[in-house]
Amino acid sequence: MGSHALYQGGGNAMSKSTAARFADNLRRARMRSGLSQTQLARAAGISHSEIYRLEAGTREPRLGTLLNLGSAMGIDGADLLAGLGDPRSSSE
């Protein structure tokens, strides 16, 4: 509804700044893994356009997608959420 909502897939939507931070985390992890967007999409079992939207910050990942992305890159999917909405990180 509000201007901050990006994707209303059930539950709360990410704000634009949170989506941008997630997109940054995903892009960095993918590059560290040495994968192209297409390679990551294949390995995670999702479409290339989904990877593109996630990295552009216009789509919020579902839990299964998050886990598949992490697995495809050999990391814990929770690592992609680093620094998002953690009140402890803002006090540093």
C-alpha atoms as a PDB file:
ATOM      1  CA  MET A   1       0.000   0.000   0.000  1.00  0.00           C
ATOM      2  CA  GLY A   2       2.550   2.590   1.137  1.00  0.00           C
ATOM      3  CA  SER A   3       5.337   3.923  -1.004  1.00  0.00           C
ATOM      4  CA  HIS A   4       7.851   1.806   0.924  1.00  0.00           C
ATOM      5  CA  ALA A   5       6.307  -1.532  -0.054  1.00  0.00           C
ATOM      6  CA  LEU A   6       8.014  -3.376  -2.864  1.00  0.00           C
ATOM      7  CA  TYR A   7       6.395  -6.775  -2.930  1.00  0.00           C
ATOM      8  CA  GLN A   8       3.272  -7.761  -1.091  1.00  0.00           C
ATOM      9  CA  GLY A   9       3.736 -11.517  -1.034  1.00  0.00           C
ATOM     10  CA  GLY A  10       2.252 -12.143   2.373  1.00  0.00           C
ATOM     11  CA  GLY A  11       3.662 -10.804   5.573  1.00  0.00           C
ATOM     12  CA  ASN A  12       5.525  -7.545   5.707  1.00  0.00           C
ATOM     13  CA  ALA A  13       7.219  -6.139   2.645  1.00  0.00           C
ATOM     14  CA  MET A  14      10.783  -4.874   2.745  1.00  0.00           C
ATOM     15  CA  SER A  15      11.375  -1.137   2.681  1.00  0.00           C
ATOM     16  CA  LYS A  16      13.307   0.222  -0.289  1.00  0.00           C
ATOM     17  CA  SER A  17      16.464   0.692   1.783  1.00  0.00           C
ATOM     18  CA  THR A  18      16.260  -2.840   3.210  1.00  0.00           C
ATOM     19  CA  ALA A  19      15.665  -4.296  -0.249  1.00  0.00           C
ATOM     20  CA  ALA A  20      18.676  -2.358  -1.541  1.00  0.00           C
ATOM     21  CA  ARG A  21      20.877  -3.757   1.254  1.00  0.00           C
ATOM     22  CA  PHE A  22      19.657  -7.298   0.525  1.00  0.00           C
ATOM     23  CA  ALA A  23      20.316  -6.753  -3.194  1.00  0.00           C
ATOM     24  CA  ASP A  24      23.843  -5.631  -2.358  1.00  0.00           C
ATOM     25  CA  ASN A  25      24.430  -8.687  -0.140  1.00  0.00           C
ATOM     26  CA  LEU A  26      23.183 -11.011  -2.871  1.00  0.00           C
ATOM     27  CA  ARG A  27      25.245  -9.383  -5.608  1.00  0.00           C
ATOM     28  CA  ARG A  28      28.426  -9.494  -3.513  1.00  0.00           C
ATOM     29  CA  ALA A  29      27.883 -13.126  -2.516  1.00  0.00           C
ATOM     30  CA  ARG A  30      27.221 -14.103  -6.139  1.00  0.00           C
ATOM     31  CA  MET A  31      30.365 -12.358  -7.330  1.00  0.00           C
ATOM     32  CA  ARG A  32      32.455 -13.947  -4.551  1.00  0.00           C
ATOM     33  CA  SER A  33      31.073 -17.303  -5.686  1.00  0.00           C
ATOM     34  CA  GLY A  34      32.216 -16.580  -9.239  1.00  0.00           C
ATOM     35  CA  LEU A  35      28.749 -17.154 -10.665  1.00  0.00           C
ATOM     36  CA  SER A  36      26.889 -15.177 -13.297  1.00  0.00           C
ATOM     37  CA  GLN A  37      23.236 -14.354 -12.696  1.00  0.00           C
ATOM     38  CA  THR A  38      22.286 -17.111 -15.139  1.00  0.00           C
ATOM     39  CA  GLN A  39      24.512 -19.687 -13.431  1.00  0.00           C
ATOM     40  CA  LEU A  40      23.132 -18.787 -10.013  1.00  0.00           C
ATOM     41  CA  ALA A  41      19.572 -18.961 -11.302  1.00  0.00           C
ATOM     42  CA  ARG A  42      20.135 -22.457 -12.694  1.00  0.00           C
ATOM     43  CA  ALA A  43      21.886 -23.670  -9.539  1.00  0.00           C
ATOM     44  CA  ALA A  44      19.155 -22.244  -7.293  1.00  0.00           C
ATOM     45  CA  GLY A  45      16.307 -23.490  -9.497  1.00  0.00           C
ATOM     46  CA  ILE A  46      14.831 -20.057 -10.176  1.00  0.00           C
ATOM     47  CA  SER A  47      14.574 -17.860 -13.235  1.00  0.00           C
ATOM     48  CA  HIS A  48      17.238 -15.427 -14.373  1.00  0.00           C
ATOM     49  CA  SER A  49      14.659 -12.644 -14.205  1.00  0.00           C
ATOM     50  CA  GLU A  50      14.085 -13.458 -10.522  1.00  0.00           C
ATOM     51  CA  ILE A  51      17.819 -13.052  -9.818  1.00  0.00           C
ATOM     52  CA  TYR A  52      17.785  -9.793 -11.762  1.00  0.00           C
ATOM     53  CA  ARG A  53      14.833  -8.441  -9.736  1.00  0.00           C
ATOM     54  CA  LEU A  54      16.377  -9.543  -6.438  1.00  0.00           C
ATOM     55  CA  GLU A  55      19.671  -7.835  -7.289  1.00  0.00           C
ATOM     56  CA  ALA A  56      17.817  -4.723  -8.472  1.00  0.00           C
ATOM     57  CA  GLY A  57      16.010  -4.547  -5.141  1.00  0.00           C
ATOM     58  CA  THR A  58      12.567  -4.717  -6.731  1.00  0.00           C
ATOM     59  CA  ARG A  59      11.665  -8.160  -5.427  1.00  0.00           C
ATOM     60  CA  GLU A  60      11.827  -9.638  -1.945  1.00  0.00           C
ATOM     61  CA  PRO A  61      12.849 -13.290  -1.647  1.00  0.00           C
ATOM     62  CA  ARG A  62      10.659 -16.012  -0.248  1.00  0.00           C
ATOM     63  CA  LEU A  63      12.221 -18.235   2.394  1.00  0.00           C
ATOM     64  CA  GLY A  64      12.694 -21.174   0.011  1.00  0.00           C
ATOM     65  CA  THR A  65      14.369 -18.924  -2.539  1.00  0.00           C
ATOM     66  CA  LEU A  66      16.692 -17.530   0.120  1.00  0.00           C
ATOM     67  CA  LEU A  67      17.718 -21.043   1.190  1.00  0.00           C
ATOM     68  CA  ASN A  68      18.206 -22.186  -2.414  1.00  0.00           C
ATOM     69  CA  LEU A  69      20.356 -19.141  -3.191  1.00  0.00           C
ATOM     70  CA  GLY A  70      22.567 -19.784  -0.186  1.00  0.00           C
ATOM     71  CA  SER A  71      22.922 -23.453  -1.052  1.00  0.00           C
ATOM     72  CA  ALA A  72      23.767 -22.664  -4.676  1.00  0.00           C
ATOM     73  CA  MET A  73      26.576 -20.335  -3.538  1.00  0.00           C
ATOM     74  CA  GLY A  74      27.806 -22.621  -0.762  1.00  0.00           C
ATOM     75  CA  ILE A  75      26.829 -20.238   2.033  1.00  0.00           C
ATOM     76  CA  ASP A  76      24.144 -20.097   4.699  1.00  0.00           C
ATOM     77  CA  GLY A  77      21.115 -18.311   3.261  1.00  0.00           C
ATOM     78  CA  ALA A  78      20.959 -16.275   6.471  1.00  0.00           C
ATOM     79  CA  ASP A  79      24.257 -14.648   5.444  1.00  0.00           C
ATOM     80  CA  LEU A  80      22.308 -12.817   2.743  1.00  0.00           C
ATOM     81  CA  LEU A  81      20.305 -11.118   5.480  1.00  0.00           C
ATOM     82  CA  ALA A  82      23.363  -9.739   7.289  1.00  0.00           C
ATOM     83  CA  GLY A  83      22.748  -6.206   8.504  1.00  0.00           C
ATOM     84  CA  LEU A  84      19.050  -6.171   7.663  1.00  0.00           C
ATOM     85  CA  GLY A  85      16.747  -5.109  10.459  1.00  0.00           C
ATOM     86  CA  ASP A  86      19.146  -6.103  13.229  1.00  0.00           C
ATOM     87  CA  PRO A  87      18.906  -3.475  15.953  1.00  0.00           C
ATOM     88  CA  ARG A  88      22.324  -4.467  17.255  1.00  0.00           C
ATOM     89  CA  SER A  89      23.976  -3.459  13.967  1.00  0.00           C
ATOM     90  CA  SER A  90      22.724   0.140  14.207  1.00  0.00           C
ATOM     91  CA  SER A  91      24.363   0.738  17.587  1.00  0.00           C
ATOM     92  CA  GLU A  92      27.913   0.046  16.392  1.00  0.00           C
END
